[in-house]
C-alpha atoms as a PDB file:
ATOM      1  CA  MET A   1      -5.960   3.221  11.867  1.00  0.00           C
ATOM      2  CA  PHE A   2      -2.821   4.766  10.378  1.00  0.00           C
ATOM      3  CA  ARG A   3      -0.318   2.775   8.303  1.00  0.00           C
ATOM      4  CA  PRO A   4       2.895   4.596   7.320  1.00  0.00           C
ATOM      5  CA  CYS A   5       4.662   4.252   3.979  1.00  0.00           C
ATOM      6  CA  ILE A   6       8.037   4.563   2.270  1.00  0.00           C
ATOM      7  CA  ASP A   7       7.885   4.838  -1.525  1.00  0.00           C
ATOM      8  CA  LEU A   8      11.195   4.395  -3.351  1.00  0.00           C
ATOM      9  CA  HIS A   9      11.953   5.558  -6.885  1.00  0.00           C
ATOM     10  CA  ASN A  10      15.448   5.587  -8.389  1.00  0.00           C
ATOM     11  CA  GLY A  11      16.864   4.884  -4.937  1.00  0.00           C
ATOM     12  CA  LYS A  12      15.224   7.866  -3.225  1.00  0.00           C
ATOM     13  CA  VAL A  13      12.224   8.345  -0.994  1.00  0.00           C
ATOM     14  CA  LYS A  14       9.550  10.055  -3.085  1.00  0.00           C
ATOM     15  CA  GLN A  15       5.853  10.720  -3.303  1.00  0.00           C
ATOM     16  CA  ILE A  16       4.533  10.328  -6.839  1.00  0.00           C
ATOM     17  CA  VAL A  17       1.131  11.173  -8.285  1.00  0.00           C
ATOM     18  CA  GLY A  18      -0.702   7.930  -9.008  1.00  0.00           C
ATOM     19  CA  GLY A  19      -0.873   6.813 -12.615  1.00  0.00           C
ATOM     20  CA  THR A  20       2.004   9.026 -13.855  1.00  0.00           C
ATOM     21  CA  LEU A  21       4.775   6.433 -13.414  1.00  0.00           C
ATOM     22  CA  ARG A  22       5.648   5.003 -16.814  1.00  0.00           C
ATOM     23  CA  ASP A  23       8.683   3.361 -18.362  1.00  0.00           C
ATOM     24  CA  GLY A  24      10.851   5.961 -20.052  1.00  0.00           C
ATOM     25  CA  GLY A  25       8.823   8.879 -18.726  1.00  0.00           C
ATOM     26  CA  ARG A  26       9.071  11.307 -15.847  1.00  0.00           C
ATOM     27  CA  PRO A  27       6.417  10.845 -13.187  1.00  0.00           C
ATOM     28  CA  VAL A  28       4.778  13.812 -11.516  1.00  0.00           C
ATOM     29  CA  THR A  29       6.599  14.016  -8.194  1.00  0.00           C
ATOM     30  CA  ASN A  30       5.160  15.741  -5.134  1.00  0.00           C
ATOM     31  CA  PHE A  31       8.156  15.123  -2.904  1.00  0.00           C
ATOM     32  CA  GLU A  32      11.745  13.892  -3.086  1.00  0.00           C
ATOM     33  CA  THR A  33      14.471  13.728  -0.456  1.00  0.00           C
ATOM     34  CA  ASP A  34      18.010  12.531   0.062  1.00  0.00           C
ATOM     35  CA  ARG A  35      17.068  11.449   3.563  1.00  0.00           C
ATOM     36  CA  PRO A  36      17.600   7.671   3.759  1.00  0.00           C
ATOM     37  CA  ALA A  37      14.630   5.323   3.791  1.00  0.00           C
ATOM     38  CA  ALA A  38      16.074   3.756   6.948  1.00  0.00           C
ATOM     39  CA  CYS A  39      15.526   7.045   8.810  1.00  0.00           C
ATOM     40  CA  TYR A  40      11.807   6.913   8.065  1.00  0.00           C
ATOM     41  CA  ALA A  41      11.678   3.259   9.102  1.00  0.00           C
ATOM     42  CA  ALA A  42      13.439   4.048  12.387  1.00  0.00           C
ATOM     43  CA  ARG A  43      10.948   6.807  13.135  1.00  0.00           C
ATOM     44  CA  TYR A  44       7.991   4.501  12.487  1.00  0.00           C
ATOM     45  CA  ARG A  45       9.641   1.929  14.750  1.00  0.00           C
ATOM     46  CA  ASP A  46      10.192   4.424  17.557  1.00  0.00           C
ATOM     47  CA  ASP A  47       6.562   5.544  17.329  1.00  0.00           C
ATOM     48  CA  GLY A  48       5.262   1.970  17.432  1.00  0.00           C
ATOM     49  CA  LEU A  49       3.622   2.127  14.001  1.00  0.00           C
ATOM     50  CA  HIS A  50       3.352  -1.427  12.727  1.00  0.00           C
ATOM     51  CA  GLY A  51       2.281  -2.698   9.315  1.00  0.00           C
ATOM     52  CA  GLY A  52       3.442   0.119   7.046  1.00  0.00           C
ATOM     53  CA  HIS A  53       4.731  -0.639   3.586  1.00  0.00           C
ATOM     54  CA  VAL A  54       7.917  -0.102   1.605  1.00  0.00           C
ATOM     55  CA  ILE A  55       7.178   0.029  -2.123  1.00  0.00           C
ATOM     56  CA  LEU A  56       9.872  -0.316  -4.796  1.00  0.00           C
ATOM     57  CA  LEU A  57       8.766   1.726  -7.795  1.00  0.00           C
ATOM     58  CA  GLY A  58      11.009   0.164 -10.407  1.00  0.00           C
ATOM     59  CA  PRO A  59      14.691  -0.877 -10.343  1.00  0.00           C
ATOM     60  CA  GLY A  60      17.483   0.647  -8.284  1.00  0.00           C
ATOM     61  CA  ASN A  61      15.638   0.502  -4.979  1.00  0.00           C
ATOM     62  CA  GLU A  62      16.673  -2.794  -3.396  1.00  0.00           C
ATOM     63  CA  ALA A  63      19.493  -1.421  -1.240  1.00  0.00           C
ATOM     64  CA  PRO A  64      17.469   1.358   0.448  1.00  0.00           C
ATOM     65  CA  ALA A  65      14.525  -1.021   0.863  1.00  0.00           C
ATOM     66  CA  ARG A  66      16.715  -3.573   2.624  1.00  0.00           C
ATOM     67  CA  ALA A  67      18.177  -0.839   4.819  1.00  0.00           C
ATOM     68  CA  ALA A  68      14.664   0.233   5.835  1.00  0.00           C
ATOM     69  CA  LEU A  69      13.686  -3.339   6.688  1.00  0.00           C
ATOM     70  CA  ALA A  70      16.860  -3.750   8.727  1.00  0.00           C
ATOM     71  CA  ALA A  71      16.016  -0.588  10.673  1.00  0.00           C
ATOM     72  CA  TYR A  72      12.590  -1.953  11.596  1.00  0.00           C
ATOM     73  CA  PRO A  73      12.687  -5.766  11.338  1.00  0.00           C
ATOM     74  CA  GLY A  74       9.252  -7.318  11.379  1.00  0.00           C
ATOM     75  CA  GLY A  75       7.527  -3.933  11.321  1.00  0.00           C
ATOM     76  CA  LEU A  76       7.203  -3.224   7.610  1.00  0.00           C
ATOM     77  CA  GLN A  77       5.771  -4.939   4.549  1.00  0.00           C
ATOM     78  CA  VAL A  78       7.536  -4.781   1.172  1.00  0.00           C
ATOM     79  CA  GLY A  79       6.193  -4.727  -2.367  1.00  0.00           C
ATOM     80  CA  GLY A  80       7.230  -4.025  -5.925  1.00  0.00           C
ATOM     81  CA  GLY A  81       8.135  -6.756  -8.392  1.00  0.00           C
ATOM     82  CA  ILE A  82       7.810  -9.516  -5.805  1.00  0.00           C
ATOM     83  CA  HIS A  83       7.542 -13.086  -7.140  1.00  0.00           C
ATOM     84  CA  PRO A  84       7.910 -16.581  -5.621  1.00  0.00           C
ATOM     85  CA  GLY A  85      11.631 -16.650  -6.313  1.00  0.00           C
ATOM     86  CA  SER A  86      12.335 -13.387  -4.488  1.00  0.00           C
ATOM     87  CA  ALA A  87       9.771 -13.441  -1.703  1.00  0.00           C
ATOM     88  CA  ALA A  88      11.736 -15.561   0.784  1.00  0.00           C
ATOM     89  CA  GLY A  89      14.738 -13.247   0.471  1.00  0.00           C
ATOM     90  CA  TRP A  90      12.642 -10.229   1.419  1.00  0.00           C
ATOM     91  CA  LEU A  91      11.186 -12.015   4.427  1.00  0.00           C
ATOM     92  CA  ALA A  92      14.693 -12.974   5.510  1.00  0.00           C
ATOM     93  CA  ALA A  93      15.706  -9.326   5.129  1.00  0.00           C
ATOM     94  CA  GLY A  94      13.165  -8.344   7.770  1.00  0.00           C
ATOM     95  CA  ALA A  95       9.847  -7.821   5.975  1.00  0.00           C
ATOM     96  CA  SER A  96       6.808  -8.912   7.973  1.00  0.00           C
ATOM     97  CA  HIS A  97       4.885  -9.593   4.738  1.00  0.00           C
ATOM     98  CA  VAL A  98       5.412  -9.402   0.998  1.00  0.00           C
ATOM     99  CA  ILE A  99       2.961  -7.429  -1.136  1.00  0.00           C
ATOM    100  CA  VAL A 100       2.102  -8.819  -4.563  1.00  0.00           C
ATOM    101  CA  THR A 101      -0.023  -7.576  -7.426  1.00  0.00           C
ATOM    102  CA  SER A 102       1.142  -7.932 -11.036  1.00  0.00           C
ATOM    103  CA  TYR A 103       2.545 -11.446 -10.585  1.00  0.00           C
ATOM    104  CA  VAL A 104      -0.852 -12.962  -9.820  1.00  0.00           C
ATOM    105  CA  PHE A 105      -2.598 -11.262 -12.742  1.00  0.00           C
ATOM    106  CA  ARG A 106      -2.102 -12.327 -16.341  1.00  0.00           C
ATOM    107  CA  GLU A 107      -4.028 -11.401 -19.480  1.00  0.00           C
ATOM    108  CA  GLY A 108      -6.384  -9.269 -17.427  1.00  0.00           C
ATOM    109  CA  ARG A 109      -7.444 -11.951 -14.979  1.00  0.00           C
ATOM    110  CA  VAL A 110      -6.363 -13.573 -11.744  1.00  0.00           C
ATOM    111  CA  ASP A 111      -3.991 -16.402 -12.619  1.00  0.00           C
ATOM    112  CA  HIS A 112      -5.060 -19.042 -10.114  1.00  0.00           C
ATOM    113  CA  ASP A 113      -1.916 -21.116 -10.582  1.00  0.00           C
ATOM    114  CA  ARG A 114       0.309 -18.135  -9.869  1.00  0.00           C
ATOM    115  CA  LEU A 115      -1.831 -17.090  -6.941  1.00  0.00           C
ATOM    116  CA  ARG A 116      -1.486 -20.536  -5.347  1.00  0.00           C
ATOM    117  CA  GLU A 117       2.219 -20.607  -6.152  1.00  0.00           C
ATOM    118  CA  MET A 118       2.710 -17.261  -4.418  1.00  0.00           C
ATOM    119  CA  ALA A 119       0.692 -18.295  -1.374  1.00  0.00           C
ATOM    120  CA  ASP A 120       2.588 -21.584  -1.149  1.00  0.00           C
ATOM    121  CA  ALA A 121       5.937 -19.793  -1.396  1.00  0.00           C
ATOM    122  CA  VAL A 122       5.427 -17.601   1.692  1.00  0.00           C
ATOM    123  CA  GLY A 123       2.250 -18.847   3.350  1.00  0.00           C
ATOM    124  CA  ALA A 124      -1.003 -16.920   3.349  1.00  0.00           C
ATOM    125  CA  ALA A 125      -0.168 -15.472   6.754  1.00  0.00           C
ATOM    126  CA  ARG A 126       2.685 -13.449   5.246  1.00  0.00           C
ATOM    127  CA  LEU A 127       1.129 -12.470   1.932  1.00  0.00           C
ATOM    128  CA  VAL A 128      -0.585  -9.147   1.172  1.00  0.00           C
ATOM    129  CA  LEU A 129      -2.472  -8.824  -2.101  1.00  0.00           C
ATOM    130  CA  ASP A 130      -2.345  -5.390  -3.699  1.00  0.00           C
ATOM    131  CA  LEU A 131      -5.737  -4.722  -5.274  1.00  0.00           C
ATOM    132  CA  SER A 132      -5.083  -1.118  -6.231  1.00  0.00           C
ATOM    133  CA  CYS A 133      -7.779  -0.010  -8.612  1.00  0.00           C
ATOM    134  CA  ARG A 134      -9.194   2.636 -10.895  1.00  0.00           C
ATOM    135  CA  ARG A 135     -12.791   3.370 -11.742  1.00  0.00           C
ATOM    136  CA  ARG A 136     -14.162   2.555 -15.182  1.00  0.00           C
ATOM    137  CA  ASP A 137     -17.839   2.425 -16.174  1.00  0.00           C
ATOM    138  CA  GLY A 138     -18.909   2.613 -12.565  1.00  0.00           C
ATOM    139  CA  ARG A 139     -16.753  -0.321 -11.437  1.00  0.00           C
ATOM    140  CA  TYR A 140     -13.507  -0.492  -9.502  1.00  0.00           C
ATOM    141  CA  LEU A 141     -11.113  -2.568 -11.589  1.00  0.00           C
ATOM    142  CA  VAL A 142      -7.728  -3.796 -10.391  1.00  0.00           C
ATOM    143  CA  VAL A 143      -4.852  -2.129 -12.265  1.00  0.00           C
ATOM    144  CA  THR A 144      -1.364  -3.566 -12.668  1.00  0.00           C
ATOM    145  CA  ASP A 145       1.974  -2.536 -14.217  1.00  0.00           C
ATOM    146  CA  ARG A 146       2.320   0.618 -12.117  1.00  0.00           C
ATOM    147  CA  TRP A 147      -1.431   1.236 -12.355  1.00  0.00           C
ATOM    148  CA  GLN A 148      -1.365   1.543 -16.156  1.00  0.00           C
ATOM    149  CA  THR A 149      -3.041  -1.721 -17.179  1.00  0.00           C
ATOM    150  CA  PHE A 150      -6.688  -2.387 -16.424  1.00  0.00           C
ATOM    151  CA  THR A 151      -7.598  -5.956 -15.569  1.00  0.00           C
ATOM    152  CA  GLU A 152     -11.060  -7.497 -15.748  1.00  0.00           C
ATOM    153  CA  THR A 153     -11.013  -8.139 -11.988  1.00  0.00           C
ATOM    154  CA  GLU A 154     -13.557  -6.018 -10.158  1.00  0.00           C
ATOM    155  CA  VAL A 155     -13.074  -5.081  -6.532  1.00  0.00           C
ATOM    156  CA  HIS A 156     -16.309  -6.271  -4.984  1.00  0.00           C
ATOM    157  CA  ALA A 157     -17.523  -8.677  -2.312  1.00  0.00           C
ATOM    158  CA  GLU A 158     -17.155 -11.845  -4.386  1.00  0.00           C
ATOM    159  CA  THR A 159     -13.573 -11.079  -5.442  1.00  0.00           C
ATOM    160  CA  LEU A 160     -12.543 -10.070  -1.940  1.00  0.00           C
ATOM    161  CA  ALA A 161     -14.052 -13.196  -0.383  1.00  0.00           C
ATOM    162  CA  PHE A 162     -12.227 -15.473  -2.825  1.00  0.00           C
ATOM    163  CA  LEU A 163      -8.839 -13.775  -2.570  1.00  0.00           C
ATOM    164  CA  ALA A 164      -9.028 -13.605   1.223  1.00  0.00           C
ATOM    165  CA  GLY A 165      -8.384 -17.332   1.267  1.00  0.00           C
ATOM    166  CA  PHE A 166      -4.866 -16.755  -0.036  1.00  0.00           C
ATOM    167  CA  ALA A 167      -3.684 -13.729   1.948  1.00  0.00           C
ATOM    168  CA  ALA A 168      -3.452 -12.079   5.353  1.00  0.00           C
ATOM    169  CA  GLU A 169      -4.331  -8.568   4.175  1.00  0.00           C
ATOM    170  CA  PHE A 170      -5.258  -6.417   1.199  1.00  0.00           C
ATOM    171  CA  LEU A 171      -3.637  -3.136   0.159  1.00  0.00           C
ATOM    172  CA  VAL A 172      -5.821  -0.916  -2.023  1.00  0.00           C
ATOM    173  CA  HIS A 173      -4.637   2.325  -3.565  1.00  0.00           C
ATOM    174  CA  ALA A 174      -7.349   4.417  -5.192  1.00  0.00           C
ATOM    175  CA  ALA A 175      -5.064   5.130  -8.128  1.00  0.00           C
ATOM    176  CA  ASP A 176      -7.228   7.884  -9.610  1.00  0.00           C
ATOM    177  CA  VAL A 177      -6.756  10.082  -6.524  1.00  0.00           C
ATOM    178  CA  GLU A 178      -3.406   8.796  -5.236  1.00  0.00           C
ATOM    179  CA  GLY A 179      -0.974  11.649  -4.566  1.00  0.00           C
ATOM    180  CA  ARG A 180      -3.462  14.385  -5.464  1.00  0.00           C
ATOM    181  CA  GLN A 181      -4.636  15.402  -1.964  1.00  0.00           C
ATOM    182  CA  ALA A 182      -8.094  15.911  -3.432  1.00  0.00           C
ATOM    183  CA  GLY A 183     -10.028  13.854  -0.920  1.00  0.00           C
ATOM    184  CA  ILE A 184     -10.464  10.165  -0.259  1.00  0.00           C
ATOM    185  CA  ASP A 185     -12.696   7.941  -2.403  1.00  0.00           C
ATOM    186  CA  GLU A 186     -15.476   7.529   0.140  1.00  0.00           C
ATOM    187  CA  GLU A 187     -17.428   5.006  -1.914  1.00  0.00           C
ATOM    188  CA  LEU A 188     -14.407   2.730  -2.180  1.00  0.00           C
ATOM    189  CA  VAL A 189     -13.707   2.999   1.546  1.00  0.00           C
ATOM    190  CA  ARG A 190     -17.299   2.026   2.323  1.00  0.00           C
ATOM    191  CA  LEU A 191     -17.105  -0.920  -0.059  1.00  0.00           C
ATOM    192  CA  LEU A 192     -13.908  -2.173   1.575  1.00  0.00           C
ATOM    193  CA  GLY A 193     -15.350  -1.797   5.064  1.00  0.00           C
ATOM    194  CA  GLU A 194     -18.461  -3.735   4.141  1.00  0.00           C
ATOM    195  CA  ALA A 195     -16.931  -6.458   1.983  1.00  0.00           C
ATOM    196  CA  CYS A 196     -13.381  -7.226   3.189  1.00  0.00           C
ATOM    197  CA  PRO A 197     -13.234 -10.351   5.370  1.00  0.00           C
ATOM    198  CA  ILE A 198      -9.557  -9.721   6.244  1.00  0.00           C
ATOM    199  CA  PRO A 199      -7.643  -6.554   7.245  1.00  0.00           C
ATOM    200  CA  VAL A 200      -7.347  -3.938   4.496  1.00  0.00           C
ATOM    201  CA  THR A 201      -5.371  -0.726   4.080  1.00  0.00           C
ATOM    202  CA  TYR A 202      -6.691   2.060   1.863  1.00  0.00           C
ATOM    203  CA  ALA A 203      -4.473   4.749   0.311  1.00  0.00           C
ATOM    204  CA  GLY A 204      -5.272   7.727  -1.878  1.00  0.00           C
ATOM    205  CA  GLY A 205      -6.450  11.309  -1.631  1.00  0.00           C
ATOM    206  CA  ALA A 206      -6.000  12.014   2.085  1.00  0.00           C
ATOM    207  CA  ARG A 207      -5.573  15.745   2.652  1.00  0.00           C
ATOM    208  CA  ALA A 208      -6.459  16.465   6.299  1.00  0.00           C
ATOM    209  CA  LEU A 209      -6.127  14.928   9.738  1.00  0.00           C
ATOM    210  CA  ALA A 210      -9.884  14.403   9.771  1.00  0.00           C
ATOM    211  CA  ASP A 211      -9.517  11.889   6.932  1.00  0.00           C
ATOM    212  CA  LEU A 212      -8.130   9.354   9.404  1.00  0.00           C
ATOM    213  CA  GLU A 213     -11.313   9.579  11.465  1.00  0.00           C
ATOM    214  CA  ARG A 214     -13.423   9.649   8.298  1.00  0.00           C
ATOM    215  CA  VAL A 215     -11.917   6.415   6.962  1.00  0.00           C
ATOM    216  CA  HIS A 216     -12.319   4.837  10.401  1.00  0.00           C
ATOM    217  CA  ARG A 217     -16.013   5.784  10.402  1.00  0.00           C
ATOM    218  CA  LEU A 218     -16.848   4.999   6.763  1.00  0.00           C
ATOM    219  CA  GLY A 219     -15.021   1.685   6.950  1.00  0.00           C
ATOM    220  CA  GLY A 220     -16.742   0.653  10.145  1.00  0.00           C
ATOM    221  CA  GLY A 221     -13.429   0.575  11.996  1.00  0.00           C
ATOM    222  CA  ARG A 222     -12.212  -2.156   9.625  1.00  0.00           C
ATOM    223  CA  VAL A 223     -10.192  -0.077   7.126  1.00  0.00           C
ATOM    224  CA  ASP A 224      -6.729   1.359   7.842  1.00  0.00           C
ATOM    225  CA  LEU A 225      -5.409   4.469   6.084  1.00  0.00           C
ATOM    226  CA  THR A 226      -2.068   5.312   4.549  1.00  0.00           C
ATOM    227  CA  ILE A 227      -1.250   9.018   4.251  1.00  0.00           C
ATOM    228  CA  GLY A 228       1.551   9.880   1.845  1.00  0.00           C
ATOM    229  CA  SER A 229       1.944  13.214   0.055  1.00  0.00           C
ATOM    230  CA  ALA A 230      -0.251  15.105   2.536  1.00  0.00           C
ATOM    231  CA  LEU A 231       1.964  14.205   5.509  1.00  0.00           C
ATOM    232  CA  ASP A 232       4.471  16.831   6.644  1.00  0.00           C
ATOM    233  CA  LEU A 233       7.195  14.147   6.568  1.00  0.00           C
ATOM    234  CA  PHE A 234       6.749  14.338   2.800  1.00  0.00           C
ATOM    235  CA  GLY A 235       6.200  18.068   2.471  1.00  0.00           C
ATOM    236  CA  GLY A 236       2.449  18.076   3.050  1.00  0.00           C
ATOM    237  CA  PRO A 237       0.213  19.988   5.490  1.00  0.00           C
ATOM    238  CA  ILE A 238      -0.774  17.205   7.925  1.00  0.00           C
ATOM    239  CA  PRO A 239       1.445  17.071  11.029  1.00  0.00           C
ATOM    240  CA  TYR A 240       2.823  13.558  11.446  1.00  0.00           C
ATOM    241  CA  ARG A 241       2.864  13.965  15.230  1.00  0.00           C
ATOM    242  CA  GLU A 242      -0.876  14.702  15.256  1.00  0.00           C
ATOM    243  CA  VAL A 243      -1.557  11.657  13.076  1.00  0.00           C
ATOM    244  CA  VAL A 244       0.355   9.438  15.508  1.00  0.00           C
ATOM    245  CA  ALA A 245      -1.524  10.923  18.472  1.00  0.00           C
ATOM    246  CA  LEU A 246      -4.932  10.484  16.815  1.00  0.00           C
ATOM    247  CA  ASP A 247      -4.049   6.949  15.787  1.00  0.00           C
ATOM    248  CA  ARG A 248      -3.289   6.092  19.406  1.00  0.00           C
ATOM    249  CA  ARG A 249      -6.611   7.561  20.557  1.00  0.00           C
ATOM    250  CA  LEU A 250      -8.548   5.581  17.938  1.00  0.00           C
ATOM    251  CA  ARG A 251      -6.779   2.366  18.862  1.00  0.00           C
ATOM    252  CA  ALA A 252      -7.552   2.965  22.507  1.00  0.00           C
ATOM    253  CA  GLY A 253     -11.239   3.191  21.627  1.00  0.00           C
END
């Protein structure tokens, strides 16, 4: 099914090519607008789209993120620099879940103490683990620090089964194709559909309306899809209205 998104960079809604966001550098940007994040959130609310995510890509984004959550309380997840000390504040601001990645990884591995600390802080039912990954030597490895740092954690059945005990959902960006509209990573979608014991959202590479049906089929109906740069809301070719209509048909069975 379809999960909407709001990506924030320097206080503005943007769509950025995966892997180009670095400290002190200029990311490759597909789309940028002065339209407030809260307007996107209100539209997702009015269309009954639940479970989308607001991602803070660096500092300067807290105010628009909070405005988006206020516009759709309980309807959006939030991620970007979340840690146990800040998580409760985001939930109180209206987030349904907090999304965490870098905090639970240290020195290239899952830090079990931090993972338990994060789950204890919010409860597994309100925690989403971001397992965004890149391919290296035939394996999908989790990447952190804005997708720049490879960890030793492979996205496969064993990892997913273990981490599922600490979270309600997974969010997985295929960072190598994110923002490029060059097609979804079909192998990764299949893997997620076969191996994820909890709900999972895939993002990366969508370029046509048919990709929503393709992810639904490849993932065995168990993988949701986020469409970013390719959506006409963000300057792309896929009509948002058609995505919403198809999503409703798929949900209806």
